Amino acid sequence: MTILTVADEARARDFYEGALGLPVRGKDPTGMTILSLDGTALLGLMVDENAIRTGHTAVQFEVDNLEGAMADLESHGIHFEDYDLPDIKTDEHHIFDLGGERCSWFADPDGNIISLHQGGVTEYNL
C-alpha cells in the first residue's frame, strides 16, 4: 500500500475517487481512507492538517496510451505539469519522452506529484 498525506479528506476523496476513478474500499482501523488500484495494490489517504508534499513523484500509474489517459484526466479537470530540468524536459504536450518510455505529471490538491508512465519499465539490478 502506498500512503499519501492529505489535509482535507473530502477534497482528496473527491479527487482520487471522482477525477481519477479509483474505487474506495472503505476505511482502515485508524480511519485512513483506502482506495483500490489494479491487482492487489492499495492507496491510503492519511489525513494530516499539516500535510507536506514530498517534492518528487509519490505515485506512478502505468498506462497503455499516454495521450488517451491524459485526455481523459484533462476532461476531469486535471492540469498537467511542465518541467525544464537538467534531466527532465517536457514537450508542448506536457510529455517527457525518453525514447521507449514516456511520462507526464500532475499534482493532487495537496501537491502530491503523480505520474502517468507508458513504455518499457526499466529493470533495476539491485
C-alpha atoms as a PDB file:
ATOM      1  CA  MET A   1       0.000   0.000   0.000  1.00  0.00           C
ATOM      2  CA  THR A   2       1.162   3.488  -0.835  1.00  0.00           C
ATOM      3  CA  ILE A   3       0.127   6.120   1.722  1.00  0.00           C
ATOM      4  CA  LEU A   4      -0.239   9.808   0.909  1.00  0.00           C
ATOM      5  CA  THR A   5      -0.895  12.556   3.416  1.00  0.00           C
ATOM      6  CA  VAL A   6      -3.754  14.896   2.628  1.00  0.00           C
ATOM      7  CA  ALA A   7      -5.025  17.926   4.513  1.00  0.00           C
ATOM      8  CA  ASP A   8      -8.712  17.593   3.604  1.00  0.00           C
ATOM      9  CA  GLU A   9     -10.173  14.095   3.375  1.00  0.00           C
ATOM     10  CA  ALA A  10     -13.339  15.051   1.471  1.00  0.00           C
ATOM     11  CA  ARG A  11     -11.387  17.060  -1.109  1.00  0.00           C
ATOM     12  CA  ALA A  12      -8.830  14.260  -1.545  1.00  0.00           C
ATOM     13  CA  ARG A  13     -11.524  11.590  -1.821  1.00  0.00           C
ATOM     14  CA  ASP A  14     -13.340  13.686  -4.430  1.00  0.00           C
ATOM     15  CA  PHE A  15     -10.098  13.964  -6.406  1.00  0.00           C
ATOM     16  CA  TYR A  16      -8.988  10.323  -6.192  1.00  0.00           C
ATOM     17  CA  GLU A  17     -12.432   8.744  -6.479  1.00  0.00           C
ATOM     18  CA  GLY A  18     -14.093  11.353  -8.709  1.00  0.00           C
ATOM     19  CA  ALA A  19     -11.382  12.661 -11.039  1.00  0.00           C
ATOM     20  CA  LEU A  20      -9.095   9.604 -11.082  1.00  0.00           C
ATOM     21  CA  GLY A  21     -11.845   6.984 -10.812  1.00  0.00           C
ATOM     22  CA  LEU A  22     -10.232   4.933  -8.037  1.00  0.00           C
ATOM     23  CA  PRO A  23     -12.814   2.900  -6.112  1.00  0.00           C
ATOM     24  CA  VAL A  24     -12.982   3.464  -2.359  1.00  0.00           C
ATOM     25  CA  ARG A  25     -12.741   0.218  -0.408  1.00  0.00           C
ATOM     26  CA  GLY A  26     -13.501   1.802   2.946  1.00  0.00           C
ATOM     27  CA  LYS A  27     -11.535   2.892   5.980  1.00  0.00           C
ATOM     28  CA  ASP A  28      -8.910   1.019   7.908  1.00  0.00           C
ATOM     29  CA  PRO A  29      -8.974   0.803  11.743  1.00  0.00           C
ATOM     30  CA  THR A  30      -7.064   4.115  12.008  1.00  0.00           C
ATOM     31  CA  GLY A  31      -9.676   5.924   9.902  1.00  0.00           C
ATOM     32  CA  MET A  32      -7.496   6.172   6.794  1.00  0.00           C
ATOM     33  CA  THR A  33      -9.448   6.046   3.512  1.00  0.00           C
ATOM     34  CA  ILE A  34      -8.354   3.073   1.379  1.00  0.00           C
ATOM     35  CA  LEU A  35      -8.712   3.081  -2.408  1.00  0.00           C
ATOM     36  CA  SER A  36      -8.189   0.177  -4.817  1.00  0.00           C
ATOM     37  CA  LEU A  37      -5.561   0.153  -7.512  1.00  0.00           C
ATOM     38  CA  ASP A  38      -5.089  -2.574 -10.136  1.00  0.00           C
ATOM     39  CA  GLY A  39      -4.345  -6.010  -8.771  1.00  0.00           C
ATOM     40  CA  THR A  40      -3.791  -6.125  -5.042  1.00  0.00           C
ATOM     41  CA  ALA A  41      -2.261  -2.642  -4.719  1.00  0.00           C
ATOM     42  CA  LEU A  42      -3.916  -0.111  -2.444  1.00  0.00           C
ATOM     43  CA  LEU A  43      -3.672   3.636  -1.890  1.00  0.00           C
ATOM     44  CA  GLY A  44      -4.220   5.052   1.580  1.00  0.00           C
ATOM     45  CA  LEU A  45      -5.150   8.678   2.237  1.00  0.00           C
ATOM     46  CA  MET A  46      -3.904   9.713   5.671  1.00  0.00           C
ATOM     47  CA  VAL A  47      -5.362  12.975   6.930  1.00  0.00           C
ATOM     48  CA  ASP A  48      -2.814  15.408   8.316  1.00  0.00           C
ATOM     49  CA  GLU A  49      -3.813  19.065   8.526  1.00  0.00           C
ATOM     50  CA  ASN A  50      -0.137  19.932   8.074  1.00  0.00           C
ATOM     51  CA  ALA A  51       0.384  17.617   5.089  1.00  0.00           C
ATOM     52  CA  ILE A  52       3.678  18.342   3.387  1.00  0.00           C
ATOM     53  CA  ARG A  53       4.223  17.342  -0.211  1.00  0.00           C
ATOM     54  CA  THR A  54       7.363  15.385  -0.999  1.00  0.00           C
ATOM     55  CA  GLY A  55       8.627  17.409  -3.979  1.00  0.00           C
ATOM     56  CA  HIS A  56       9.041  14.258  -6.089  1.00  0.00           C
ATOM     57  CA  THR A  57       6.790  11.677  -7.714  1.00  0.00           C
ATOM     58  CA  ALA A  58       4.809   9.940  -4.978  1.00  0.00           C
ATOM     59  CA  VAL A  59       2.707   7.604  -7.156  1.00  0.00           C
ATOM     60  CA  GLN A  60       3.133   6.422 -10.744  1.00  0.00           C
ATOM     61  CA  PHE A  61       0.437   4.790 -12.870  1.00  0.00           C
ATOM     62  CA  GLU A  62       1.367   2.635 -15.850  1.00  0.00           C
ATOM     63  CA  VAL A  63      -0.869   3.292 -18.884  1.00  0.00           C
ATOM     64  CA  ASP A  64      -1.079   1.763 -22.360  1.00  0.00           C
ATOM     65  CA  ASN A  65      -1.973   5.030 -24.102  1.00  0.00           C
ATOM     66  CA  LEU A  66      -0.435   8.118 -22.514  1.00  0.00           C
ATOM     67  CA  GLU A  67      -2.244  10.706 -24.663  1.00  0.00           C
ATOM     68  CA  GLY A  68      -5.577   8.929 -24.175  1.00  0.00           C
ATOM     69  CA  ALA A  69      -5.139   8.754 -20.411  1.00  0.00           C
ATOM     70  CA  MET A  70      -4.108  12.408 -20.302  1.00  0.00           C
ATOM     71  CA  ALA A  71      -7.128  13.475 -22.366  1.00  0.00           C
ATOM     72  CA  ASP A  72      -9.450  11.525 -20.060  1.00  0.00           C
ATOM     73  CA  LEU A  73      -7.946  13.112 -16.945  1.00  0.00           C
ATOM     74  CA  GLU A  74      -7.990  16.590 -18.514  1.00  0.00           C
ATOM     75  CA  SER A  75     -11.740  16.118 -19.106  1.00  0.00           C
ATOM     76  CA  HIS A  76     -11.994  15.698 -15.305  1.00  0.00           C
ATOM     77  CA  GLY A  77     -10.138  18.946 -14.646  1.00  0.00           C
ATOM     78  CA  ILE A  78      -6.614  17.573 -14.227  1.00  0.00           C
ATOM     79  CA  HIS A  79      -3.842  20.002 -15.204  1.00  0.00           C
ATOM     80  CA  PHE A  80      -0.540  18.501 -16.357  1.00  0.00           C
ATOM     81  CA  GLU A  81       2.767  19.986 -15.254  1.00  0.00           C
ATOM     82  CA  ASP A  82       5.702  21.091 -17.367  1.00  0.00           C
ATOM     83  CA  TYR A  83       9.311  20.615 -16.333  1.00  0.00           C
ATOM     84  CA  ASP A  84      12.529  22.114 -17.645  1.00  0.00           C
ATOM     85  CA  LEU A  85      15.210  20.446 -15.526  1.00  0.00           C
ATOM     86  CA  PRO A  86      18.666  19.176 -16.475  1.00  0.00           C
ATOM     87  CA  ASP A  87      17.421  15.568 -16.792  1.00  0.00           C
ATOM     88  CA  ILE A  88      13.695  16.086 -17.449  1.00  0.00           C
ATOM     89  CA  LYS A  89      12.154  18.427 -20.006  1.00  0.00           C
ATOM     90  CA  THR A  90       8.533  18.089 -21.075  1.00  0.00           C
ATOM     91  CA  ASP A  91       7.378  18.991 -24.567  1.00  0.00           C
ATOM     92  CA  GLU A  92       4.481  21.233 -25.630  1.00  0.00           C
ATOM     93  CA  HIS A  93       2.092  18.353 -24.812  1.00  0.00           C
ATOM     94  CA  HIS A  94       3.393  18.038 -21.214  1.00  0.00           C
ATOM     95  CA  ILE A  95       5.203  14.771 -22.055  1.00  0.00           C
ATOM     96  CA  PHE A  96       8.754  13.741 -21.237  1.00  0.00           C
ATOM     97  CA  ASP A  97       9.983  11.327 -23.919  1.00  0.00           C
ATOM     98  CA  LEU A  98      12.925   9.082 -23.085  1.00  0.00           C
ATOM     99  CA  GLY A  99      12.707   7.055 -26.274  1.00  0.00           C
ATOM    100  CA  GLY A 100      10.996   3.838 -25.195  1.00  0.00           C
ATOM    101  CA  GLU A 101       9.483   5.431 -22.103  1.00  0.00           C
ATOM    102  CA  ARG A 102       7.197   8.446 -21.821  1.00  0.00           C
ATOM    103  CA  CYS A 103       5.868  10.251 -18.746  1.00  0.00           C
ATOM    104  CA  SER A 104       3.606  13.103 -17.729  1.00  0.00           C
ATOM    105  CA  TRP A 105       2.955  14.557 -14.275  1.00  0.00           C
ATOM    106  CA  PHE A 106       0.150  16.236 -12.347  1.00  0.00           C
ATOM    107  CA  ALA A 107      -0.493  17.047  -8.701  1.00  0.00           C
ATOM    108  CA  ASP A 108      -3.344  16.242  -6.361  1.00  0.00           C
ATOM    109  CA  PRO A 109      -4.998  19.070  -4.377  1.00  0.00           C
ATOM    110  CA  ASP A 110      -2.346  18.688  -1.642  1.00  0.00           C
ATOM    111  CA  GLY A 111       0.567  18.919  -4.065  1.00  0.00           C
ATOM    112  CA  ASN A 112       1.425  15.202  -4.111  1.00  0.00           C
ATOM    113  CA  ILE A 113       3.019  14.581  -7.512  1.00  0.00           C
ATOM    114  CA  ILE A 114       1.525  11.789  -9.620  1.00  0.00           C
ATOM    115  CA  SER A 115       2.962  10.406 -12.848  1.00  0.00           C
ATOM    116  CA  LEU A 116       1.493   8.605 -15.818  1.00  0.00           C
ATOM    117  CA  HIS A 117       4.045   6.288 -17.445  1.00  0.00           C
ATOM    118  CA  GLN A 118       3.953   4.477 -20.779  1.00  0.00           C
ATOM    119  CA  GLY A 119       6.570   2.198 -22.234  1.00  0.00           C
ATOM    120  CA  GLY A 120       9.186  -0.281 -21.207  1.00  0.00           C
ATOM    121  CA  VAL A 121       9.634  -0.377 -17.482  1.00  0.00           C
ATOM    122  CA  THR A 122      13.299  -0.018 -16.684  1.00  0.00           C
ATOM    123  CA  GLU A 123      14.734  -3.038 -14.927  1.00  0.00           C
ATOM    124  CA  TYR A 124      16.906  -2.267 -11.951  1.00  0.00           C
ATOM    125  CA  ASN A 125      19.678  -4.540 -10.789  1.00  0.00           C
ATOM    126  CA  LEU A 126      19.818  -4.074  -7.036  1.00  0.00           C
END
